[in-house]
Protein backbone atom coordinates (compact mmCIF):
# COMPACT_ATOMS: atom_id res chain seq x y z
CA UNK A 1 -0.07 -0.20 -0.19
CA UNK A 2 3.15 2.67 0.85
CA UNK A 3 4.63 1.67 -2.50
CA UNK A 4 1.51 2.27 -4.30
CA UNK A 5 0.83 5.32 -2.56
CA UNK A 6 4.55 6.87 -3.49
CA UNK A 7 3.66 5.57 -7.21
CA UNK A 8 0.86 8.03 -7.05
CA UNK A 9 2.51 11.18 -5.48
CA UNK A 10 4.94 10.70 -7.99
CA UNK A 11 2.39 10.86 -10.84
CA UNK A 12 0.43 13.56 -9.81
CA UNK A 13 3.91 15.45 -9.12
CA UNK A 14 5.10 14.68 -13.09
CA UNK A 15 1.89 15.17 -14.12
CA UNK A 16 2.02 17.36 -17.19
CA UNK A 17 5.33 17.67 -17.21
CA UNK A 18 5.81 16.17 -20.35
CA UNK A 19 3.26 18.71 -22.24
CA UNK A 20 5.34 21.69 -21.00
CA UNK A 21 8.68 20.34 -22.84
CA UNK A 22 8.00 22.70 -25.12
CA UNK A 23 6.49 26.07 -22.93
CA UNK A 24 6.90 27.12 -20.28
CA UNK A 25 5.90 25.41 -16.68
CA UNK A 26 5.60 27.69 -13.63
CA UNK A 27 5.29 26.03 -10.02
CA UNK A 28 3.72 28.62 -7.29
CA UNK A 29 3.85 27.97 -3.25
CA UNK A 30 1.12 29.93 -2.11
CA UNK A 31 -2.94 29.58 -2.99
CA UNK A 32 -5.48 31.67 -2.35
CA UNK A 33 -7.21 31.11 1.47
CA UNK A 34 -10.60 30.30 1.23
CA UNK A 35 -11.46 31.29 4.70
CA UNK A 36 -11.14 34.86 3.79
CA UNK A 37 -11.54 37.64 1.65
CA UNK A 38 -10.16 39.59 -1.37
CA UNK A 39 -8.00 41.61 1.26
CA UNK A 40 -6.13 38.43 2.57
CA UNK A 41 -5.54 36.86 -0.87
CA UNK A 42 -5.37 40.10 -3.22
CA UNK A 43 -1.22 39.37 -3.65
CA UNK A 44 -2.05 35.59 -5.18
CA UNK A 45 -5.25 36.63 -7.15
CA UNK A 46 -2.77 39.30 -8.88
CA UNK A 47 -0.39 36.96 -9.39
CA UNK A 48 -2.44 34.71 -11.32
CA UNK A 49 -4.34 37.83 -13.09
CA UNK A 50 -0.74 38.93 -14.41
CA UNK A 51 0.24 34.98 -15.61
CA UNK A 52 -3.44 34.91 -17.54
CA UNK A 53 -2.74 38.61 -19.12
CA UNK A 54 1.00 37.31 -20.35
CA UNK A 55 -0.71 34.17 -22.13
CA UNK A 56 -2.87 36.46 -23.43
CA UNK A 57 -0.20 38.45 -25.35
CA UNK A 58 1.87 35.52 -25.78
CA UNK A 59 -0.35 32.85 -27.38
CA UNK A 60 1.94 30.98 -29.58
CA UNK A 61 4.10 30.01 -25.84
CA UNK A 62 2.06 27.79 -23.41
CA UNK A 63 1.77 28.16 -20.18
CA UNK A 64 1.41 25.70 -17.48
CA UNK A 65 0.54 26.88 -13.62
CA UNK A 66 0.06 25.23 -10.62
CA UNK A 67 0.72 25.04 -6.93
CA UNK A 68 2.93 23.27 -4.63
CA UNK A 69 4.00 22.57 -1.25
CA UNK A 70 7.89 23.85 -0.58
CA UNK A 71 7.82 20.13 0.07
CA UNK A 72 6.89 18.81 -3.26
CA UNK A 73 9.38 21.18 -4.72
CA UNK A 74 11.85 19.85 -2.99
CA UNK A 75 10.91 16.47 -4.38
CA UNK A 76 10.91 17.31 -7.72
CA UNK A 77 14.59 18.65 -6.99
CA UNK A 78 15.36 15.58 -6.06
CA UNK A 79 14.22 13.85 -8.72
CA UNK A 80 15.51 16.07 -10.86
CA UNK A 81 12.11 17.49 -12.68
CA UNK A 82 11.99 21.14 -11.64
CA UNK A 83 10.02 23.32 -13.56
CA UNK A 84 11.11 26.27 -15.70
CA UNK A 85 9.89 28.64 -12.89
CA UNK A 86 9.24 27.89 -9.52
CA UNK A 87 8.79 29.88 -6.39
CA UNK A 88 11.01 29.33 -2.89
CA UNK A 89 11.40 30.96 0.53
CA UNK A 90 14.94 32.61 0.72
CA UNK A 91 16.47 30.23 2.77
CA UNK A 92 15.65 27.16 0.48
CA UNK A 93 17.01 29.23 -2.36
CA UNK A 94 20.52 29.22 -1.01
CA UNK A 95 20.37 25.21 -0.99
CA UNK A 96 18.95 25.34 -4.82
CA UNK A 97 21.71 27.43 -5.27
CA UNK A 98 24.77 26.14 -3.35
CA UNK A 99 23.18 22.59 -5.47
CA UNK A 100 23.57 24.67 -9.15
CA UNK A 101 19.92 24.53 -9.83
CA UNK A 102 19.67 28.06 -10.19
CA UNK A 103 19.99 30.37 -13.27
CA UNK A 104 21.52 33.07 -11.93
CA UNK A 105 19.33 36.64 -13.21
CA UNK A 106 21.50 39.78 -12.54
CA UNK A 107 21.31 40.82 -16.19
CA UNK A 108 17.83 40.14 -16.22
CA UNK A 109 17.46 42.26 -13.30
CA UNK A 110 19.40 45.47 -13.86
CA UNK A 111 19.05 45.62 -17.71
CA UNK A 112 15.16 45.36 -17.27
CA UNK A 113 13.02 48.31 -18.25
CA UNK A 114 12.03 47.97 -14.21
CA UNK A 115 15.47 47.93 -12.95
CA UNK A 116 14.85 50.69 -10.76
CA UNK A 117 11.91 49.12 -8.77
CA UNK A 118 14.02 46.24 -7.81
CA UNK A 119 15.12 47.59 -4.79
CA UNK A 120 18.69 46.76 -3.05
CA UNK A 121 16.58 45.78 0.36
CA UNK A 122 14.57 43.24 -1.38
CA UNK A 123 17.25 41.64 -3.31
CA UNK A 124 19.40 41.17 -0.78
CA UNK A 125 17.63 37.91 0.43
CA UNK A 126 18.08 36.35 -2.87
CA UNK A 127 21.86 37.51 -3.73
CA UNK A 128 24.04 34.33 -3.63
CA UNK A 129 27.87 34.21 -3.94
CA UNK A 130 27.76 37.73 -5.50
CA UNK A 131 25.10 36.86 -8.24
CA UNK A 132 21.03 37.47 -7.95
CA UNK A 133 19.02 34.19 -8.42
CA UNK A 134 15.63 35.72 -8.23
CA UNK A 135 13.13 37.99 -8.44
CA UNK A 136 11.41 39.55 -5.36
CA UNK A 137 7.41 37.76 -5.50
CA UNK A 138 4.38 38.70 -4.33
CA UNK A 139 4.20 41.64 -1.70
CA UNK A 140 6.29 43.32 0.52
CA UNK A 141 5.12 42.51 4.28
CA UNK A 142 5.32 44.26 7.60
CA UNK A 143 5.78 43.58 10.79
CA UNK A 144 2.95 45.70 12.80
CA UNK A 145 1.65 46.38 16.00
CA UNK A 146 -2.50 46.09 15.92
CA UNK A 147 -3.90 48.00 19.26
CA UNK A 148 -7.17 49.26 20.60
CA UNK A 149 -7.60 52.71 20.74
CA UNK A 150 -9.77 52.77 23.74
CA UNK A 151 -7.17 51.01 26.10
CA UNK A 152 -3.94 53.25 24.30
CA UNK A 153 -4.42 56.63 23.18
CA UNK A 154 -1.57 56.31 22.08
CA UNK A 155 0.57 53.03 22.03
CA UNK A 156 3.69 53.20 24.45
CA UNK A 157 6.83 54.41 22.41
CA UNK A 158 9.56 53.17 24.94
CA UNK A 159 9.80 49.29 26.04
CA UNK A 160 9.72 50.87 29.75
CA UNK A 161 6.12 52.13 29.40
CA UNK A 162 5.13 48.58 27.45
CA UNK A 163 6.24 47.30 30.88
CA UNK A 164 4.70 49.33 33.12
CA UNK A 165 1.36 49.03 31.63
CA UNK A 166 0.05 46.40 33.71
CA UNK A 167 -2.02 44.08 31.56
CA UNK A 168 -3.29 41.65 34.17
CA UNK A 169 -5.01 44.33 36.45
CA UNK A 170 -7.00 45.72 33.97
CA UNK A 171 -8.12 41.90 33.14
CA UNK A 172 -6.04 40.68 30.04
CA UNK A 173 -3.48 37.80 29.77
CA UNK A 174 -0.97 40.03 28.56
CA UNK A 175 -0.24 43.42 26.54
CA UNK A 176 0.70 41.58 23.30
CA UNK A 177 -0.74 38.54 21.41
CA UNK A 178 2.24 37.14 19.11
CA UNK A 179 2.29 33.99 17.64
CA UNK A 180 5.91 32.91 17.92
CA UNK A 181 6.08 28.83 16.57
CA UNK A 182 9.44 28.06 15.14
CA UNK A 183 11.30 30.78 16.16
CA UNK A 184 11.59 33.15 12.99
CA UNK A 185 9.05 35.65 14.37
CA UNK A 186 10.96 36.64 16.76
CA UNK A 187 13.88 37.04 14.22
CA UNK A 188 11.87 39.04 12.61
CA UNK A 189 9.87 41.20 14.59
CA UNK A 190 12.08 41.15 17.61
CA UNK A 191 15.55 40.89 16.63
CA UNK A 192 15.82 42.79 13.28
CA UNK A 193 15.10 46.37 14.90
CA UNK A 194 17.54 46.05 17.39
CA UNK A 195 20.19 44.82 14.81
CA UNK A 196 19.52 47.74 12.56
CA UNK A 197 21.89 50.39 14.17
CA UNK A 198 24.86 50.90 12.07
CA UNK A 199 27.30 48.19 13.72
CA UNK A 200 24.27 45.83 13.68
CA UNK A 201 23.49 46.37 9.88
CA UNK A 202 27.14 46.04 9.18
CA UNK A 203 27.25 42.96 10.99
CA UNK A 204 23.85 40.85 9.58
CA UNK A 205 25.73 42.48 5.92
CA UNK A 206 28.76 40.42 6.73
CA UNK A 207 26.79 37.39 8.28
CA UNK A 208 24.74 37.24 4.79
CA UNK A 209 27.74 37.55 2.64
CA UNK A 210 29.58 34.98 4.19
CA UNK A 211 32.45 36.75 4.94
CA UNK A 212 33.65 35.13 8.70
CA UNK A 213 34.49 38.88 10.01
CA UNK A 214 32.09 38.31 12.50
CA UNK A 215 29.80 35.76 14.04
CA UNK A 216 26.97 34.74 16.36
CA UNK A 217 29.12 35.26 19.28
CA UNK A 218 30.21 38.67 18.56
CA UNK A 219 29.03 41.11 20.93
CA UNK A 220 26.30 43.12 19.03
CA UNK A 221 24.45 40.04 18.03
CA UNK A 222 24.88 39.03 21.87
CA UNK A 223 23.72 42.25 23.37
CA UNK A 224 20.67 42.03 21.28
CA UNK A 225 19.60 38.57 21.84
CA UNK A 226 19.93 38.94 25.71
CA UNK A 227 17.61 42.16 25.24
CA UNK A 228 15.19 39.96 23.59
CA UNK A 229 15.23 37.19 26.00
CA UNK A 230 14.51 40.39 28.59
CA UNK A 231 11.53 41.51 26.86
CA UNK A 232 10.33 37.83 26.12
CA UNK A 233 10.56 37.73 30.16
CA UNK A 234 8.49 40.84 31.08
CA UNK A 235 5.16 40.86 31.75
CA UNK A 236 4.48 41.82 27.82
CA UNK A 237 3.89 39.17 25.81
CA UNK A 238 0.62 36.72 26.31
CA UNK A 239 1.14 33.23 27.97
CA UNK A 240 2.49 30.35 25.93
CA UNK A 241 3.56 33.08 22.94
CA UNK A 242 6.64 31.17 22.09
CA UNK A 243 4.51 28.26 21.47
CA UNK A 244 1.48 29.46 19.69
CA UNK A 245 1.00 29.93 16.20
CA UNK A 246 -0.12 33.44 14.61
CA UNK A 247 -3.76 31.79 14.08
CA UNK A 248 -3.91 31.71 17.98
CA UNK A 249 -2.55 34.72 18.49
CA UNK A 250 -4.76 36.42 16.03
CA UNK A 251 -7.69 34.44 17.82
CA UNK A 252 -6.88 35.69 21.32
CA UNK A 253 -6.83 39.46 20.32
CA UNK A 254 -9.63 39.44 18.00
CA UNK A 255 -11.46 37.44 21.33
CA UNK A 256 -9.69 40.87 23.64
CA UNK A 257 -7.87 38.46 25.63
CA UNK A 258 -5.20 41.32 25.03
CA UNK A 259 -5.17 44.65 23.92
CA UNK A 260 -2.56 44.48 21.35
CA UNK A 261 -1.60 41.84 18.43
CA UNK A 262 2.12 41.47 16.66
CA UNK A 263 1.19 40.45 13.29
CA UNK A 264 3.48 40.60 9.42
CA UNK A 265 2.79 40.04 5.75
CA UNK A 266 -0.54 38.47 5.45
CA UNK A 267 -1.61 37.67 8.94
CA UNK A 268 -2.11 41.66 9.10
CA UNK A 269 -5.20 41.43 7.01
CA UNK A 270 -6.15 37.74 8.48
CA UNK A 271 -6.09 39.92 11.76
CA UNK A 272 -8.68 42.47 10.39
CA UNK A 273 -10.74 40.43 8.54
CA UNK A 274 -10.83 38.10 11.82
CA UNK A 275 -11.59 41.21 14.31
CA UNK A 276 -14.38 42.75 11.75
CA UNK A 277 -16.19 39.36 11.98
CA UNK A 278 -15.88 38.50 15.89
CA UNK A 279 -15.89 42.46 17.10
CA UNK A 280 -17.32 45.04 14.85
CA UNK A 281 -16.68 47.67 17.58
CA UNK A 282 -13.14 46.69 17.95
CA UNK A 283 -12.54 47.11 14.77
CA UNK A 284 -13.56 50.11 13.91
CA UNK A 285 -11.24 51.06 17.23
CA UNK A 286 -7.97 50.01 15.87
CA UNK A 287 -5.10 51.47 15.23
CA UNK A 288 -1.47 50.68 14.20
CA UNK A 289 2.02 51.03 15.14
CA UNK A 290 5.70 49.40 15.79
CA UNK A 291 7.59 47.82 18.49
CA UNK A 292 9.06 50.36 20.40
CA UNK A 293 13.22 50.92 20.30
CA UNK A 294 13.19 50.50 16.33
CA UNK A 295 11.52 50.25 13.09
CA UNK A 296 9.44 47.64 11.57
CA UNK A 297 11.13 44.47 9.99
CA UNK A 298 10.37 43.97 6.38
CA UNK A 299 10.71 41.70 3.53
CA UNK A 300 9.57 39.58 0.70
CA UNK A 301 8.88 36.05 2.08
CA UNK A 302 9.10 34.54 -1.48
CA UNK A 303 11.46 34.80 -4.37
CA UNK A 304 10.58 33.60 -8.04
CA UNK A 305 13.72 31.16 -9.47
CA UNK A 306 14.66 29.98 -12.53
CA UNK A 307 15.50 26.35 -13.62
CA UNK A 308 19.33 26.49 -14.23
CA UNK A 309 18.71 23.85 -17.23
CA UNK A 310 17.06 26.75 -19.39
CA UNK A 311 20.84 27.72 -19.66
CA UNK A 312 20.92 25.86 -22.31
CA UNK A 313 17.43 26.66 -24.24
CA UNK A 314 18.25 30.64 -25.22
CA UNK A 315 14.76 30.97 -26.86
CA UNK A 316 12.95 29.64 -23.45
CA UNK A 317 15.34 31.44 -20.92
CA UNK A 318 14.58 34.63 -22.33
CA UNK A 319 10.99 34.37 -22.23
CA UNK A 320 10.72 32.63 -19.01
CA UNK A 321 13.09 35.72 -17.85
CA UNK A 322 10.41 38.24 -19.29
CA UNK A 323 7.63 36.63 -17.85
CA UNK A 324 9.38 36.53 -14.43
CA UNK A 325 10.06 40.80 -15.07
CA UNK A 326 6.32 40.65 -15.88
CA UNK A 327 4.97 38.91 -12.83
CA UNK A 328 6.89 41.19 -10.25
CA UNK A 329 7.39 44.46 -11.82
CA UNK A 330 5.01 47.99 -11.03
CA UNK A 331 2.37 46.19 -13.12
CA UNK A 332 1.74 43.42 -10.43
CA UNK A 333 1.95 46.17 -7.63
CA UNK A 334 -1.00 47.96 -9.41
CA UNK A 335 -2.89 44.63 -10.10
CA UNK A 336 -2.48 43.65 -6.25
CA UNK A 337 -3.97 47.30 -5.53
CA UNK A 338 -7.20 46.82 -8.09
CA UNK A 339 -7.42 43.03 -7.00
CA UNK A 340 -8.27 44.39 -3.31
CA UNK A 341 -5.34 46.18 -1.51
CA UNK A 342 -5.62 49.77 -2.69
CA UNK A 343 -3.53 52.26 -0.55
CA UNK A 344 -1.37 49.30 0.22
CA UNK A 345 0.85 47.91 -2.52
CA UNK A 346 -0.03 50.19 -5.19
CA UNK A 347 3.41 52.31 -6.59
CA UNK A 348 1.86 55.41 -7.46
CA UNK A 349 1.91 57.19 -4.63
CA UNK A 350 -0.97 59.59 -6.19
CA UNK A 351 -3.07 55.91 -5.77
CA UNK A 352 -2.48 55.51 -2.59
CA UNK A 353 -3.60 59.06 -1.81
CA UNK A 354 -6.41 58.51 -3.46
CA UNK A 355 -7.33 55.76 -1.59
CA UNK A 356 -7.23 57.08 1.54
CA UNK A 357 -9.24 60.21 0.36
CA UNK A 358 -12.01 57.87 -1.29
CA UNK A 359 -11.72 54.96 1.16
CA UNK A 360 -14.84 54.54 3.87
CA UNK A 361 -13.08 52.65 6.18
CA UNK A 362 -11.74 54.21 8.97
CA UNK A 363 -9.67 51.01 10.06
CA UNK A 364 -7.64 50.31 6.44
CA UNK A 365 -7.35 54.39 5.73
CA UNK A 366 -5.27 54.41 9.28
CA UNK A 367 -3.71 51.03 8.30
CA UNK A 368 -2.24 52.61 4.67
CA UNK A 369 -1.33 55.73 6.20
CA UNK A 370 0.70 53.93 8.81
CA UNK A 371 2.59 51.17 6.39
CA UNK A 372 3.56 54.56 3.77
CA UNK A 373 5.04 56.40 6.79
CA UNK A 374 6.56 53.36 8.77
CA UNK A 375 10.19 53.24 9.04
CA UNK A 376 11.71 49.60 7.87
CA UNK A 377 14.66 47.29 7.99
CA UNK A 378 15.86 44.02 6.84
CA UNK A 379 14.24 41.09 8.03
CA UNK A 380 16.64 38.97 9.96
CA UNK A 381 14.95 36.06 9.63
CA UNK A 382 14.97 35.36 5.78
CA UNK A 383 18.58 34.98 5.58
CA UNK A 384 19.94 32.56 6.98
CA UNK A 385 18.81 28.45 6.82
CA UNK A 386 15.81 27.50 9.24
CA UNK A 387 18.17 25.35 11.03
CA UNK A 388 19.85 28.32 12.04
CA UNK A 389 16.99 30.23 13.57
CA UNK A 390 15.65 27.11 15.20
CA UNK A 391 18.54 27.01 17.41
CA UNK A 392 17.58 30.92 18.45
CA UNK A 393 13.76 29.53 18.77
CA UNK A 394 14.46 26.38 21.28
CA UNK A 395 16.60 28.88 23.17
CA UNK A 396 14.48 31.57 23.24
CA UNK A 397 11.63 29.25 24.27
CA UNK A 398 13.61 27.29 26.89
CA UNK A 399 13.88 31.31 28.64
CA UNK A 400 10.60 29.53 30.45
CA UNK A 401 12.79 27.28 32.25
CA UNK A 402 14.59 28.91 35.10
CA UNK A 403 17.44 26.88 34.09
CA UNK A 404 17.58 27.98 30.95
CA UNK A 405 20.86 28.72 28.98
CA UNK A 406 21.92 32.23 28.45
CA UNK A 407 22.53 34.36 25.71
CA UNK A 408 26.10 33.62 24.30
CA UNK A 409 24.86 30.04 24.69
CA UNK A 410 22.36 30.09 22.60
CA UNK A 411 24.48 32.40 20.12
CA UNK A 412 26.91 29.42 20.56
CA UNK A 413 24.49 27.29 19.50
CA UNK A 414 23.60 29.37 16.34
CA UNK A 415 26.89 30.05 15.42
CA UNK A 416 27.64 26.51 14.92
CA UNK A 417 24.36 25.72 13.08
CA UNK A 418 25.75 29.07 10.67
CA UNK A 419 29.14 27.28 9.93
CA UNK A 420 27.82 23.91 9.23
CA UNK A 421 24.27 24.70 6.88
CA UNK A 422 25.03 28.67 5.72
CA UNK A 423 29.16 28.56 5.11
CA UNK A 424 29.39 24.68 4.00
CA UNK A 425 29.75 24.23 0.28
């Protein structure tokens, strides 16, 4: 039975592959979330809409498209049956680059008519060994604090002020609900702002580039990590924050068990839809801020990669690069806006201003204004293998234990993982 199931899975994975040999095969890894509406699904809907537009403009080039899980894409890689264009996160992309599975796209990016739209901070996660290996896909995300304006006239601007807010005396489980299963969200939301200083930025770029001039044992990182563990030990975050999902934290906030919520990316919009359905009165009171002490972590979760095998087929490679540029250039942001996220992704400032003046949802207007003016920094979690962050996640989760390792020990474990999985060719 087990062998039959494996055979069926392989057959399903390879279905349609032969038909795409003369055209272009595209595989995404994000599907529309049927539990939510257009606000959440606009990025995926826009991607598919642009793909259809390109098909119509290039009727002579067949294009197949389907979604796979990251595990299924990895299986296709092991079988040497990767599609022409596929979507991956930055960490998995680095593995593929190291194994020679990716066609580098530096020239296609810098020579594109949209070159100026591909910001360096967006491309950084996909620069491997000095060459660009992907186009940043879907929409940029931000870490955002959503809070109840009836509780805070303005969200505290210092960590001390946040710690001084006695949530439990007011009947709350904590001040901020925060889903952090796996450790990576804490790396993004808590560590990134602390490392966005000049010294921290130099440290981060050195680590990304694998220069071996710095390490996780450096004081700039250990000090930041110590501060994060202090933050998590303070009576600010709701209990079990390190073990619950983003969905659970959204539910806790919507049920008014905390007066604030820390989320990022599409979870920002999931939170809005959830709160609006559960408590319209709370929805009308929502406002937005960043955590005290630094900018908001932001970045692109996924990139569009091109199969290295196309290097031997210049015509198909040219068509694939043209399609990638189309799916990730300024037209994509306009399409996302048209699909339901007006004011959040439109590249044209006039379009965002029009949204703010015409929108009759004051909560969405406040969110758009916040995201438009928020100071941002690179998301640390984008750059290193998940294995590195698993040491981080396990380490900070252990802080609930009185005998937990200190920051220096956690940093040492992370350096070991970094050398084993990131630096090793």
